[in-house]
Amino acid sequence: MNKDEVKRMCSVCRMRRPKAELIKVVRNNGEFAIPKGHAEGRGAYICKDEKCIELAIKKKALNRSFKCEIPNEIYENLKG
């Protein structure tokens, strides 16, 4: 299997998509980040689609995925 075939599930719409079509949010040692490339730690994915991003912010989808409170700056960074 090559990297183009790797699919992950969006935490909001639950659709499986190629990693290139998703935004990854990572928690490592209690710190949260939206990495540009590879990053160590627990990850959650959200579609780059505006509707999924808006729903993630509205429903606090990352809080559910990580089972803890996510800083607001991470949700703000999803938009841009």
N, C-alpha and C. Protein backbone atom coordinates (compact mmCIF):
# COMPACT_ATOMS: atom_id res chain seq x y z
N MET A 1 0.85 -1.18 0.00
CA MET A 1 0.00 0.00 0.00
C MET A 1 0.90 1.24 0.00
N ASN A 2 0.64 2.17 -0.91
CA ASN A 2 1.44 3.39 -0.92
C ASN A 2 0.73 4.49 -0.14
N LYS A 3 1.41 5.60 0.11
CA LYS A 3 0.86 6.65 0.95
C LYS A 3 -0.39 7.29 0.37
N ASP A 4 -0.55 7.25 -0.95
CA ASP A 4 -1.73 7.83 -1.57
C ASP A 4 -3.00 7.06 -1.22
N GLU A 5 -2.85 5.80 -0.83
CA GLU A 5 -4.00 4.97 -0.53
C GLU A 5 -4.40 5.01 0.94
N VAL A 6 -3.59 5.61 1.80
CA VAL A 6 -3.88 5.65 3.23
C VAL A 6 -5.07 6.56 3.48
N LYS A 7 -6.07 6.02 4.17
CA LYS A 7 -7.27 6.81 4.46
C LYS A 7 -7.47 6.89 5.97
N ARG A 8 -8.03 7.99 6.39
CA ARG A 8 -8.35 8.23 7.79
C ARG A 8 -9.78 8.72 7.88
N MET A 9 -10.38 8.62 9.07
CA MET A 9 -11.77 9.01 9.26
C MET A 9 -11.86 10.41 9.85
N CYS A 10 -12.73 11.23 9.29
CA CYS A 10 -12.99 12.56 9.80
C CYS A 10 -13.74 12.44 11.13
N SER A 11 -13.33 13.19 12.13
CA SER A 11 -13.96 13.15 13.45
C SER A 11 -15.35 13.78 13.45
N VAL A 12 -15.68 14.52 12.40
CA VAL A 12 -16.97 15.20 12.34
C VAL A 12 -17.98 14.41 11.51
N CYS A 13 -17.68 14.21 10.23
CA CYS A 13 -18.65 13.56 9.33
C CYS A 13 -18.46 12.05 9.25
N ARG A 14 -17.39 11.53 9.85
CA ARG A 14 -17.10 10.09 9.90
C ARG A 14 -16.83 9.46 8.53
N MET A 15 -16.54 10.27 7.52
CA MET A 15 -16.21 9.77 6.18
C MET A 15 -14.73 9.42 6.13
N ARG A 16 -14.40 8.34 5.46
CA ARG A 16 -13.00 7.98 5.25
C ARG A 16 -12.49 8.69 4.00
N ARG A 17 -11.37 9.38 4.16
CA ARG A 17 -10.78 10.14 3.06
C ARG A 17 -9.27 9.96 3.06
N PRO A 18 -8.63 10.21 1.93
CA PRO A 18 -7.16 10.19 1.90
C PRO A 18 -6.60 11.24 2.86
N LYS A 19 -5.46 10.94 3.46
CA LYS A 19 -4.86 11.85 4.44
C LYS A 19 -4.65 13.25 3.89
N ALA A 20 -4.40 13.37 2.58
CA ALA A 20 -4.14 14.67 1.96
C ALA A 20 -5.36 15.59 2.01
N GLU A 21 -6.56 15.02 2.16
CA GLU A 21 -7.79 15.80 2.18
C GLU A 21 -8.24 16.16 3.60
N LEU A 22 -7.40 15.86 4.59
CA LEU A 22 -7.77 16.06 5.99
C LEU A 22 -6.77 16.97 6.71
N ILE A 23 -7.24 17.58 7.78
CA ILE A 23 -6.40 18.36 8.68
C ILE A 23 -6.14 17.49 9.89
N LYS A 24 -4.89 17.36 10.29
CA LYS A 24 -4.55 16.54 11.45
C LYS A 24 -4.31 17.43 12.66
N VAL A 25 -4.89 17.04 13.78
CA VAL A 25 -4.65 17.71 15.05
C VAL A 25 -4.00 16.67 15.95
N VAL A 26 -2.91 17.05 16.63
CA VAL A 26 -2.12 16.11 17.42
C VAL A 26 -2.04 16.57 18.87
N ARG A 27 -2.13 15.59 19.78
CA ARG A 27 -1.87 15.85 21.20
C ARG A 27 -0.65 15.05 21.59
N ASN A 28 0.35 15.73 22.12
CA ASN A 28 1.56 15.08 22.58
C ASN A 28 1.97 15.71 23.91
N ASN A 29 1.99 14.92 24.95
CA ASN A 29 2.34 15.40 26.30
C ASN A 29 1.47 16.57 26.74
N GLY A 30 0.19 16.51 26.45
CA GLY A 30 -0.74 17.55 26.88
C GLY A 30 -0.76 18.79 26.01
N GLU A 31 0.10 18.87 25.02
CA GLU A 31 0.15 20.00 24.10
C GLU A 31 -0.57 19.64 22.80
N PHE A 32 -1.31 20.59 22.25
CA PHE A 32 -2.03 20.37 21.00
C PHE A 32 -1.40 21.18 19.89
N ALA A 33 -1.42 20.62 18.68
CA ALA A 33 -0.84 21.30 17.52
C ALA A 33 -1.51 20.82 16.24
N ILE A 34 -1.40 21.66 15.21
CA ILE A 34 -1.83 21.29 13.87
C ILE A 34 -0.55 21.25 13.03
N PRO A 35 0.07 20.07 12.92
CA PRO A 35 1.36 19.98 12.23
C PRO A 35 1.23 20.07 10.72
N LYS A 36 2.30 20.51 10.08
CA LYS A 36 2.36 20.56 8.61
C LYS A 36 2.76 19.20 8.05
N GLY A 37 3.56 18.46 8.78
CA GLY A 37 4.03 17.16 8.34
C GLY A 37 3.79 16.11 9.41
N HIS A 38 4.73 15.20 9.55
CA HIS A 38 4.62 14.13 10.54
C HIS A 38 4.79 14.69 11.94
N ALA A 39 4.01 14.17 12.89
CA ALA A 39 4.14 14.57 14.28
C ALA A 39 3.82 13.39 15.17
N GLU A 40 4.55 13.28 16.27
CA GLU A 40 4.32 12.21 17.24
C GLU A 40 3.11 12.56 18.10
N GLY A 41 2.43 11.53 18.59
CA GLY A 41 1.33 11.73 19.52
C GLY A 41 0.02 11.21 18.97
N ARG A 42 -1.01 11.39 19.76
CA ARG A 42 -2.36 10.95 19.37
C ARG A 42 -2.93 11.95 18.39
N GLY A 43 -3.55 11.47 17.32
CA GLY A 43 -4.06 12.35 16.28
C GLY A 43 -5.54 12.19 16.04
N ALA A 44 -6.14 13.25 15.55
CA ALA A 44 -7.53 13.24 15.10
C ALA A 44 -7.57 14.04 13.80
N TYR A 45 -8.49 13.67 12.92
CA TYR A 45 -8.55 14.28 11.59
C TYR A 45 -9.89 14.95 11.36
N ILE A 46 -9.85 16.05 10.60
CA ILE A 46 -11.06 16.77 10.20
C ILE A 46 -10.91 17.11 8.72
N CYS A 47 -12.01 16.95 7.97
CA CYS A 47 -12.00 17.30 6.55
C CYS A 47 -11.65 18.77 6.37
N LYS A 48 -11.03 19.09 5.26
CA LYS A 48 -10.71 20.48 4.95
C LYS A 48 -11.93 21.25 4.48
N ASP A 49 -13.06 20.58 4.35
CA ASP A 49 -14.32 21.18 3.92
C ASP A 49 -14.80 22.18 4.97
N GLU A 50 -15.25 23.36 4.53
CA GLU A 50 -15.69 24.41 5.45
C GLU A 50 -16.81 23.95 6.37
N LYS A 51 -17.74 23.15 5.83
CA LYS A 51 -18.86 22.68 6.65
C LYS A 51 -18.39 21.80 7.80
N CYS A 52 -17.44 20.92 7.53
CA CYS A 52 -16.90 20.05 8.58
C CYS A 52 -16.15 20.88 9.63
N ILE A 53 -15.40 21.86 9.18
CA ILE A 53 -14.66 22.71 10.12
C ILE A 53 -15.63 23.49 11.01
N GLU A 54 -16.68 24.06 10.40
CA GLU A 54 -17.68 24.80 11.18
C GLU A 54 -18.37 23.89 12.19
N LEU A 55 -18.73 22.68 11.77
CA LEU A 55 -19.37 21.73 12.69
C LEU A 55 -18.43 21.31 13.80
N ALA A 56 -17.16 21.13 13.48
CA ALA A 56 -16.17 20.76 14.50
C ALA A 56 -16.09 21.83 15.58
N ILE A 57 -16.11 23.08 15.15
CA ILE A 57 -16.05 24.19 16.11
C ILE A 57 -17.34 24.26 16.92
N LYS A 58 -18.47 24.17 16.25
CA LYS A 58 -19.77 24.28 16.91
C LYS A 58 -20.01 23.15 17.91
N LYS A 59 -19.68 21.91 17.50
CA LYS A 59 -19.96 20.75 18.35
C LYS A 59 -18.78 20.33 19.22
N LYS A 60 -17.66 21.07 19.12
CA LYS A 60 -16.45 20.74 19.88
C LYS A 60 -16.05 19.28 19.64
N ALA A 61 -15.98 18.90 18.37
CA ALA A 61 -15.71 17.51 17.98
C ALA A 61 -14.36 17.02 18.47
N LEU A 62 -13.36 17.89 18.54
CA LEU A 62 -12.04 17.46 19.00
C LEU A 62 -12.05 17.14 20.49
N ASN A 63 -12.90 17.83 21.25
CA ASN A 63 -13.02 17.50 22.68
C ASN A 63 -13.46 16.05 22.84
N ARG A 64 -14.39 15.62 22.00
CA ARG A 64 -14.85 14.22 22.03
C ARG A 64 -13.74 13.27 21.60
N SER A 65 -13.05 13.61 20.54
CA SER A 65 -12.00 12.73 20.02
C SER A 65 -10.87 12.51 21.02
N PHE A 66 -10.46 13.58 21.69
CA PHE A 66 -9.35 13.49 22.62
C PHE A 66 -9.79 13.26 24.06
N LYS A 67 -11.10 13.33 24.31
CA LYS A 67 -11.67 13.13 25.64
C LYS A 67 -11.10 14.10 26.67
N CYS A 68 -10.91 15.34 26.23
CA CYS A 68 -10.47 16.41 27.12
C CYS A 68 -10.78 17.75 26.47
N GLU A 69 -10.59 18.82 27.21
CA GLU A 69 -10.86 20.17 26.71
C GLU A 69 -9.74 20.61 25.77
N ILE A 70 -10.11 21.10 24.60
CA ILE A 70 -9.15 21.57 23.60
C ILE A 70 -9.08 23.09 23.67
N PRO A 71 -7.87 23.68 23.63
CA PRO A 71 -7.76 25.14 23.65
C PRO A 71 -8.48 25.77 22.45
N ASN A 72 -9.11 26.90 22.68
CA ASN A 72 -9.84 27.60 21.62
C ASN A 72 -8.95 27.97 20.44
N GLU A 73 -7.67 28.21 20.70
CA GLU A 73 -6.76 28.61 19.61
C GLU A 73 -6.62 27.50 18.57
N ILE A 74 -6.75 26.25 18.96
CA ILE A 74 -6.70 25.14 18.00
C ILE A 74 -7.92 25.21 17.07
N TYR A 75 -9.10 25.45 17.65
CA TYR A 75 -10.30 25.59 16.82
C TYR A 75 -10.19 26.81 15.89
N GLU A 76 -9.62 27.90 16.38
CA GLU A 76 -9.43 29.09 15.55
C GLU A 76 -8.45 28.82 14.41
N ASN A 77 -7.41 28.03 14.67
CA ASN A 77 -6.42 27.70 13.64
C ASN A 77 -6.98 26.78 12.56
N LEU A 78 -8.03 26.06 12.85
CA LEU A 78 -8.65 25.21 11.85
C LEU A 78 -9.19 26.04 10.68
N LYS A 79 -9.67 27.24 10.97
CA LYS A 79 -10.26 28.09 9.95
C LYS A 79 -9.23 28.58 8.95
N GLY A 80 -8.05 28.86 9.41
CA GLY A 80 -7.06 29.48 8.53
C GLY A 80 -5.91 28.62 8.31
